[in-house]
Amino acid sequence: MSTVKEPETWQQLIADCADIPRTLNPHPAVILPRAAPQWEVDEKCEAQVADLDEYV
């Protein structure tokens, strides 16, 4: 039987994570933002809303 209690609140979870020694992860991953891919409306997408004015 485990004696480890699960955190019951977000604050407890964050506190538990803050207690993790840096030696376990000396080089944390750095996530660089990426540019969103270019998006264009094609004919198929435009056809889906072609008659939208009739419903509004």
Protein backbone atom coordinates (compact mmCIF):
# COMPACT_ATOMS: atom_id res chain seq x y z
CA MET A 1 0.00 0.00 0.00
CA SER A 2 1.35 3.40 -0.98
CA THR A 3 1.57 6.16 1.60
CA VAL A 4 1.97 8.89 -1.04
CA LYS A 5 -1.01 11.23 -1.13
CA GLU A 6 -2.23 12.63 -4.41
CA PRO A 7 -2.60 16.43 -4.51
CA GLU A 8 -6.18 17.52 -4.03
CA THR A 9 -5.86 21.07 -5.40
CA TRP A 10 -3.94 22.83 -8.17
CA GLN A 11 -1.95 24.69 -5.54
CA GLN A 12 -0.80 21.41 -3.98
CA LEU A 13 0.13 20.03 -7.40
CA ILE A 14 2.15 23.12 -8.27
CA ALA A 15 3.88 23.02 -4.89
CA ASP A 16 4.73 19.34 -5.42
CA CYS A 17 6.19 20.09 -8.85
CA ALA A 18 8.18 23.02 -7.46
CA ASP A 19 9.86 20.63 -5.04
CA ILE A 20 11.37 18.52 -7.86
CA PRO A 21 15.16 18.96 -7.71
CA ARG A 22 16.75 20.65 -10.74
CA THR A 23 19.32 17.85 -10.87
CA LEU A 24 16.62 15.61 -12.31
CA ASN A 25 16.21 17.97 -15.25
CA PRO A 26 19.32 20.14 -15.56
CA HIS A 27 18.48 21.26 -19.12
CA PRO A 28 14.76 21.96 -19.39
CA ALA A 29 13.38 21.95 -22.89
CA VAL A 30 13.01 25.34 -24.50
CA ILE A 31 9.98 25.53 -26.75
CA LEU A 32 10.41 28.16 -29.44
CA PRO A 33 7.31 29.71 -30.95
CA ARG A 34 6.60 28.82 -34.54
CA ALA A 35 4.92 30.92 -37.16
CA ALA A 36 1.44 29.72 -38.05
CA PRO A 37 1.14 28.16 -41.48
CA GLN A 38 -0.33 30.38 -44.18
CA TRP A 39 -4.06 29.85 -44.50
CA GLU A 40 -6.24 30.64 -47.46
CA VAL A 41 -9.91 30.10 -48.19
CA ASP A 42 -10.31 27.61 -51.01
CA GLU A 43 -13.40 27.00 -53.13
CA LYS A 44 -14.55 24.07 -50.99
CA CYS A 45 -14.42 26.16 -47.80
CA GLU A 46 -16.15 29.10 -49.47
CA ALA A 47 -18.92 26.83 -50.76
CA GLN A 48 -19.77 25.81 -47.19
CA VAL A 49 -20.81 29.38 -46.34
CA ALA A 50 -22.03 30.52 -49.74
CA ASP A 51 -25.69 30.74 -48.69
CA LEU A 52 -25.06 31.85 -45.10
CA ASP A 53 -26.87 35.19 -45.61
CA GLU A 54 -30.13 33.28 -46.17
CA TYR A 55 -29.90 31.76 -42.66
CA VAL A 56 -29.00 34.94 -40.79
